[in-house]
C-alpha atoms as a PDB file:
ATOM      1  CA  MET A   1      60.921 -32.662 -28.628  1.00  0.00           C
ATOM      2  CA  MET A   2      60.518 -34.231 -25.628  1.00  0.00           C
ATOM      3  CA  ARG A   3      58.870 -33.045 -22.290  1.00  0.00           C
ATOM      4  CA  SER A   4      60.133 -33.425 -18.929  1.00  0.00           C
ATOM      5  CA  LEU A   5      58.429 -35.114 -15.995  1.00  0.00           C
ATOM      6  CA  ASN A   6      57.595 -31.726 -14.728  1.00  0.00           C
ATOM      7  CA  ASP A   7      55.888 -30.386 -17.708  1.00  0.00           C
ATOM      8  CA  TYR A   8      53.397 -33.574 -17.293  1.00  0.00           C
ATOM      9  CA  LYS A   9      52.915 -32.478 -13.271  1.00  0.00           C
ATOM     10  CA  ARG A  10      52.544 -28.739 -14.247  1.00  0.00           C
ATOM     11  CA  VAL A  11      49.227 -29.895 -16.587  1.00  0.00           C
ATOM     12  CA  PHE A  12      48.431 -32.487 -14.666  1.00  0.00           C
ATOM     13  CA  TYR A  13      48.096 -30.113 -11.721  1.00  0.00           C
ATOM     14  CA  ALA A  14      46.639 -27.486 -13.757  1.00  0.00           C
ATOM     15  CA  VAL A  15      44.016 -29.642 -15.039  1.00  0.00           C
ATOM     16  CA  GLY A  16      43.153 -31.113 -11.243  1.00  0.00           C
ATOM     17  CA  ILE A  17      42.810 -27.272 -10.000  1.00  0.00           C
ATOM     18  CA  ILE A  18      40.328 -26.749 -12.908  1.00  0.00           C
ATOM     19  CA  GLY A  19      38.733 -29.709 -12.018  1.00  0.00           C
ATOM     20  CA  ILE A  20      38.338 -29.036  -8.553  1.00  0.00           C
ATOM     21  CA  ILE A  21      36.952 -25.726  -9.299  1.00  0.00           C
ATOM     22  CA  LEU A  22      34.366 -26.507 -11.538  1.00  0.00           C
ATOM     23  CA  CYS A  23      33.186 -29.166  -9.209  1.00  0.00           C
ATOM     24  CA  PHE A  24      32.449 -26.444  -6.281  1.00  0.00           C
ATOM     25  CA  LEU A  25      31.539 -23.648  -8.249  1.00  0.00           C
ATOM     26  CA  PRO A  26      27.509 -24.210  -8.276  1.00  0.00           C
ATOM     27  CA  THR A  27      28.223 -24.648  -4.098  1.00  0.00           C
ATOM     28  CA  GLY A  28      29.747 -21.263  -4.328  1.00  0.00           C
ATOM     29  CA  ILE A  29      27.447 -19.840  -6.346  1.00  0.00           C
ATOM     30  CA  GLU A  30      24.550 -20.974  -3.784  1.00  0.00           C
ATOM     31  CA  LEU A  31      26.911 -19.543  -0.962  1.00  0.00           C
ATOM     32  CA  ALA A  32      27.849 -16.101  -2.398  1.00  0.00           C
ATOM     33  CA  VAL A  33      26.133 -13.282  -0.932  1.00  0.00           C
ATOM     34  CA  LEU A  34      23.471 -12.113  -3.805  1.00  0.00           C
ATOM     35  CA  PRO A  35      22.553  -8.414  -3.623  1.00  0.00           C
ATOM     36  CA  SER A  36      19.082  -8.370  -1.691  1.00  0.00           C
ATOM     37  CA  GLN A  37      15.667  -8.033  -3.702  1.00  0.00           C
ATOM     38  CA  GLU A  38      13.729  -4.925  -4.011  1.00  0.00           C
ATOM     39  CA  GLN A  39      12.220  -4.111  -0.678  1.00  0.00           C
ATOM     40  CA  PHE A  40       8.851  -2.215  -0.726  1.00  0.00           C
ATOM     41  CA  SER A  41       5.215  -2.416   0.802  1.00  0.00           C
ATOM     42  CA  GLU A  42       2.099  -3.342  -0.709  1.00  0.00           C
ATOM     43  CA  LEU A  43      -1.025  -1.342  -0.282  1.00  0.00           C
ATOM     44  CA  TYR A  44      -4.225  -1.921  -2.059  1.00  0.00           C
ATOM     45  CA  VAL A  45      -8.043  -1.953  -1.891  1.00  0.00           C
ATOM     46  CA  LEU A  46     -10.419  -4.709  -3.192  1.00  0.00           C
ATOM     47  CA  GLY A  47     -14.389  -4.150  -3.805  1.00  0.00           C
ATOM     48  CA  PRO A  48     -16.653  -6.473  -2.015  1.00  0.00           C
ATOM     49  CA  GLN A  49     -16.289  -9.627  -3.474  1.00  0.00           C
ATOM     50  CA  ARG A  50     -12.475  -9.419  -2.709  1.00  0.00           C
ATOM     51  CA  THR A  51     -11.658  -8.327  -6.693  1.00  0.00           C
ATOM     52  CA  ALA A  52     -10.322  -5.492  -8.152  1.00  0.00           C
ATOM     53  CA  GLY A  53     -14.077  -4.585  -9.519  1.00  0.00           C
ATOM     54  CA  ASN A  54     -17.361  -3.423  -8.487  1.00  0.00           C
ATOM     55  CA  TYR A  55     -15.925  -0.367  -5.837  1.00  0.00           C
ATOM     56  CA  PRO A  56     -18.902   1.680  -4.356  1.00  0.00           C
ATOM     57  CA  PHE A  57     -18.869   4.624  -6.332  1.00  0.00           C
ATOM     58  CA  ASN A  58     -22.929   6.141  -6.305  1.00  0.00           C
ATOM     59  CA  ILE A  59     -23.407   6.648  -2.644  1.00  0.00           C
ATOM     60  CA  SER A  60     -26.884   6.823  -0.641  1.00  0.00           C
ATOM     61  CA  ALA A  61     -26.663   8.544   2.763  1.00  0.00           C
ATOM     62  CA  ASP A  62     -26.455   6.247   5.916  1.00  0.00           C
ATOM     63  CA  THR A  63     -26.177   3.134   4.118  1.00  0.00           C
ATOM     64  CA  SER A  64     -22.971   0.893   4.523  1.00  0.00           C
ATOM     65  CA  TYR A  65     -20.694  -0.042   1.921  1.00  0.00           C
ATOM     66  CA  THR A  66     -17.585  -2.688   2.356  1.00  0.00           C
ATOM     67  CA  VAL A  67     -14.316  -2.911   0.593  1.00  0.00           C
ATOM     68  CA  TYR A  68     -11.006  -4.708   1.473  1.00  0.00           C
ATOM     69  CA  LEU A  69      -7.876  -3.055   2.481  1.00  0.00           C
ATOM     70  CA  ASP A  70      -4.569  -5.019   2.052  1.00  0.00           C
ATOM     71  CA  VAL A  71      -0.864  -4.486   3.007  1.00  0.00           C
ATOM     72  CA  VAL A  72       1.771  -6.944   2.022  1.00  0.00           C
ATOM     73  CA  ASN A  73       5.657  -6.576   3.707  1.00  0.00           C
ATOM     74  CA  HIS A  74       8.407  -7.203   0.743  1.00  0.00           C
ATOM     75  CA  MET A  75      10.821  -5.016   3.264  1.00  0.00           C
ATOM     76  CA  GLY A  76      12.882  -8.493   4.065  1.00  0.00           C
ATOM     77  CA  ARG A  77      11.998  -7.806   7.872  1.00  0.00           C
ATOM     78  CA  SER A  78       9.654  -7.526  10.206  1.00  0.00           C
ATOM     79  CA  MET A  79       7.518  -4.414  10.119  1.00  0.00           C
ATOM     80  CA  TYR A  80       5.053  -2.036  11.818  1.00  0.00           C
ATOM     81  CA  TYR A  81       2.445  -0.588   9.771  1.00  0.00           C
ATOM     82  CA  GLU A  82      -0.137   2.342  10.294  1.00  0.00           C
ATOM     83  CA  ALA A  83      -2.770   2.845   7.664  1.00  0.00           C
ATOM     84  CA  ASP A  84      -4.866   5.943   7.967  1.00  0.00           C
ATOM     85  CA  VAL A  85      -7.996   6.787   6.501  1.00  0.00           C
ATOM     86  CA  LYS A  86      -8.892  10.064   5.601  1.00  0.00           C
ATOM     87  CA  ILE A  87     -11.920  11.880   3.241  1.00  0.00           C
ATOM     88  CA  ARG A  88     -11.614  14.971   0.995  1.00  0.00           C
ATOM     89  CA  ASN A  89     -13.685  16.893  -1.212  1.00  0.00           C
ATOM     90  CA  GLU A  90     -12.278  18.484  -4.418  1.00  0.00           C
ATOM     91  CA  SER A  91     -10.527  21.319  -3.121  1.00  0.00           C
ATOM     92  CA  GLU A  92      -8.745  19.776  -0.379  1.00  0.00           C
ATOM     93  CA  PRO A  93      -5.005  18.292  -0.913  1.00  0.00           C
ATOM     94  CA  LEU A  94      -4.284  14.867  -1.972  1.00  0.00           C
ATOM     95  CA  PRO A  95      -1.243  12.957  -0.974  1.00  0.00           C
ATOM     96  CA  ASN A  96       1.691  12.378  -3.730  1.00  0.00           C
ATOM     97  CA  ASN A  97       4.504   9.756  -3.679  1.00  0.00           C
ATOM     98  CA  THR A  98       6.708  11.887  -1.249  1.00  0.00           C
ATOM     99  CA  VAL A  99       4.238  13.983   0.992  1.00  0.00           C
ATOM    100  CA  PRO A 100       1.173  12.582   2.827  1.00  0.00           C
ATOM    101  CA  SER A 101      -2.135  14.560   2.558  1.00  0.00           C
ATOM    102  CA  THR A 102      -2.275  17.211   5.576  1.00  0.00           C
ATOM    103  CA  LEU A 103      -5.885  16.203   6.177  1.00  0.00           C
ATOM    104  CA  PRO A 104      -6.313  14.441   9.778  1.00  0.00           C
ATOM    105  CA  ALA A 105      -6.817  10.674   9.931  1.00  0.00           C
ATOM    106  CA  LEU A 106     -10.580   9.753  10.533  1.00  0.00           C
ATOM    107  CA  TYR A 107      -9.507   6.465  11.470  1.00  0.00           C
ATOM    108  CA  GLU A 108      -6.349   4.333  11.811  1.00  0.00           C
ATOM    109  CA  TYR A 109      -5.448   0.548  11.478  1.00  0.00           C
ATOM    110  CA  ASN A 110      -2.138  -0.842  13.389  1.00  0.00           C
ATOM    111  CA  LEU A 111      -0.620  -3.877  12.370  1.00  0.00           C
ATOM    112  CA  PHE A 112       2.821  -5.815  12.230  1.00  0.00           C
ATOM    113  CA  LEU A 113       3.918  -8.123   9.705  1.00  0.00           C
ATOM    114  CA  SER A 114       6.939 -10.275   9.104  1.00  0.00           C
ATOM    115  CA  ASP A 115       8.758 -10.591   5.825  1.00  0.00           C
ATOM    116  CA  GLY A 116       6.530 -11.645   3.058  1.00  0.00           C
ATOM    117  CA  GLN A 117       3.178 -11.667   5.202  1.00  0.00           C
ATOM    118  CA  GLY A 118      -0.123  -9.991   4.157  1.00  0.00           C
ATOM    119  CA  TRP A 119      -2.719  -8.577   6.285  1.00  0.00           C
ATOM    120  CA  GLU A 120      -6.878  -7.668   5.115  1.00  0.00           C
ATOM    121  CA  SER A 121      -9.402  -6.068   6.825  1.00  0.00           C
ATOM    122  CA  ALA A 122     -12.897  -4.889   6.015  1.00  0.00           C
ATOM    123  CA  LEU A 123     -13.192  -1.428   5.462  1.00  0.00           C
ATOM    124  CA  THR A 124     -16.948  -0.455   6.125  1.00  0.00           C
ATOM    125  CA  PHE A 125     -18.355   2.947   5.600  1.00  0.00           C
ATOM    126  CA  SER A 126     -20.894   5.046   5.599  1.00  0.00           C
ATOM    127  CA  PHE A 127     -21.768   8.645   5.296  1.00  0.00           C
ATOM    128  CA  ASN A 128     -24.488  11.191   6.768  1.00  0.00           C
ATOM    129  CA  PHE A 129     -25.012  13.905   4.120  1.00  0.00           C
ATOM    130  CA  SER A 130     -27.304  16.853   3.237  1.00  0.00           C
ATOM    131  CA  SER A 131     -29.825  17.079  -0.011  1.00  0.00           C
ATOM    132  CA  PRO A 132     -28.232  19.575  -2.228  1.00  0.00           C
ATOM    133  CA  VAL A 133     -28.476  22.925  -1.381  1.00  0.00           C
ATOM    134  CA  ASP A 134     -27.684  25.735  -3.625  1.00  0.00           C
ATOM    135  CA  ASN A 135     -25.431  22.920  -5.651  1.00  0.00           C
ATOM    136  CA  ASN A 136     -23.643  21.869  -2.599  1.00  0.00           C
ATOM    137  CA  ILE A 137     -23.824  18.542  -0.203  1.00  0.00           C
ATOM    138  CA  PHE A 138     -22.396  19.283   3.114  1.00  0.00           C
ATOM    139  CA  LEU A 139     -20.909  16.024   4.634  1.00  0.00           C
ATOM    140  CA  ASN A 140     -21.375  16.101   8.460  1.00  0.00           C
ATOM    141  CA  LYS A 141     -20.804  12.647   9.822  1.00  0.00           C
ATOM    142  CA  VAL A 142     -18.581   9.400   8.725  1.00  0.00           C
ATOM    143  CA  GLN A 143     -18.764   6.133  10.154  1.00  0.00           C
ATOM    144  CA  ILE A 144     -15.644   3.849   9.632  1.00  0.00           C
ATOM    145  CA  ASN A 145     -15.898   0.416  11.075  1.00  0.00           C
ATOM    146  CA  GLY A 146     -18.872   1.229  13.449  1.00  0.00           C
ATOM    147  CA  ILE A 147     -16.711   4.636  15.075  1.00  0.00           C
ATOM    148  CA  ASN A 148     -18.920   7.762  14.138  1.00  0.00           C
ATOM    149  CA  VAL A 149     -16.452  10.637  13.270  1.00  0.00           C
ATOM    150  CA  GLU A 150     -18.157  14.325  12.965  1.00  0.00           C
ATOM    151  CA  VAL A 151     -16.661  16.061   9.887  1.00  0.00           C
ATOM    152  CA  ASP A 152     -17.677  19.451   8.253  1.00  0.00           C
ATOM    153  CA  LYS A 153     -16.891  19.134   4.628  1.00  0.00           C
ATOM    154  CA  THR A 154     -18.905  20.735   1.902  1.00  0.00           C
ATOM    155  CA  THR A 155     -18.653  19.892  -2.192  1.00  0.00           C
ATOM    156  CA  ALA A 156     -19.883  21.680  -4.917  1.00  0.00           C
ATOM    157  CA  ARG A 157     -21.865  20.182  -8.092  1.00  0.00           C
ATOM    158  CA  ASP A 158     -19.449  18.958 -10.450  1.00  0.00           C
ATOM    159  CA  ASN A 159     -21.135  19.637 -13.720  1.00  0.00           C
ATOM    160  CA  SER A 160     -19.126  18.138 -16.251  1.00  0.00           C
ATOM    161  CA  ASN A 161     -19.323  14.612 -14.357  1.00  0.00           C
ATOM    162  CA  GLY A 162     -23.150  15.382 -12.927  1.00  0.00           C
ATOM    163  CA  GLY A 163     -22.330  14.767  -9.205  1.00  0.00           C
ATOM    164  CA  TYR A 164     -21.008  15.886  -5.769  1.00  0.00           C
ATOM    165  CA  TYR A 165     -17.833  13.901  -5.375  1.00  0.00           C
ATOM    166  CA  TYR A 166     -15.702  13.076  -2.491  1.00  0.00           C
ATOM    167  CA  GLN A 167     -12.506  11.063  -2.073  1.00  0.00           C
ATOM    168  CA  LEU A 168     -11.811   8.113   0.680  1.00  0.00           C
ATOM    169  CA  ILE A 169      -8.039   7.967   1.012  1.00  0.00           C
ATOM    170  CA  VAL A 170      -5.921   5.435   2.658  1.00  0.00           C
ATOM    171  CA  GLU A 171      -2.258   6.411   3.351  1.00  0.00           C
ATOM    172  CA  LEU A 172       0.516   3.635   4.638  1.00  0.00           C
ATOM    173  CA  ARG A 173       3.055   4.756   7.125  1.00  0.00           C
ATOM    174  CA  GLU A 174       5.961   2.460   8.225  1.00  0.00           C
ATOM    175  CA  TYR A 175       8.007   2.761  11.517  1.00  0.00           C
ATOM    176  CA  ASN A 176      11.218   3.925  10.891  1.00  0.00           C
ATOM    177  CA  PRO A 177      13.663   2.549  13.765  1.00  0.00           C
ATOM    178  CA  LYS A 178      16.200   5.106  13.229  1.00  0.00           C
ATOM    179  CA  SER A 179      14.398   8.175  13.716  1.00  0.00           C
ATOM    180  CA  GLY A 180      11.831   5.867  16.178  1.00  0.00           C
ATOM    181  CA  LYS A 181       8.874   7.401  14.603  1.00  0.00           C
ATOM    182  CA  LEU A 182       6.084   6.305  11.809  1.00  0.00           C
ATOM    183  CA  SER A 183       6.893   7.954   8.606  1.00  0.00           C
ATOM    184  CA  TYR A 184       4.674   8.269   5.414  1.00  0.00           C
ATOM    185  CA  ASP A 185       6.076   5.847   2.839  1.00  0.00           C
ATOM    186  CA  GLY A 186       4.590   7.174  -0.174  1.00  0.00           C
ATOM    187  CA  ARG A 187       1.928   4.563  -0.825  1.00  0.00           C
ATOM    188  CA  PHE A 188      -1.682   5.481  -0.978  1.00  0.00           C
ATOM    189  CA  VAL A 189      -4.825   4.577  -2.417  1.00  0.00           C
ATOM    190  CA  THR A 190      -7.932   6.368  -3.263  1.00  0.00           C
ATOM    191  CA  LEU A 191     -11.828   5.548  -3.826  1.00  0.00           C
ATOM    192  CA  TRP A 192     -13.967   8.393  -5.638  1.00  0.00           C
ATOM    193  CA  LEU A 193     -17.123   8.572  -4.471  1.00  0.00           C
ATOM    194  CA  ASN A 194     -20.569  10.482  -5.718  1.00  0.00           C
ATOM    195  CA  MET A 195     -22.638  11.147  -2.999  1.00  0.00           C
ATOM    196  CA  THR A 196     -26.086  12.095  -4.841  1.00  0.00           C
ATOM    197  CA  GLN A 197     -28.778   9.768  -3.172  1.00  0.00           C
ATOM    198  CA  THR A 198     -30.174  11.119  -0.175  1.00  0.00           C
END
């Protein structure tokens, strides 16, 4: 069976087109718009040696302790953040992934980060609290980064764990350009503090 010249031309054109496609396929893949990566912000606290350990726990009155607060922007754009520092006793509300704590902020960090940029700052704190009275400790002053804040918090002795516990909370807020406001983004960290040494 004889093939015509047109049949060979068609095969030649088909092989040529397939060759061109294969040649430009890697470039086309690189130019294609791929789905964006997950967008998120990081918030974490490091201990005094800038490691995930040796966090202050047994707290003495009027003694300074330092940890390091870190925020990293992976939102795909520049972001404005506020990190709020709060203190709670065992009966006050904790934040969760959707709702912040209703406690007032005792100290605020304000920062602006480009995409992929990280930020770190010392968080130095001390507490003025009473000796135990009727199995309660009264916390009347917190100092954060040299700023004194009056508080009025009492915590009862936790007999099962043998201490008087407060919790330091840091919540992250992000600027939302649609609303023009800072909004809680569901990220928070906490440190348990046992205030037993006056």
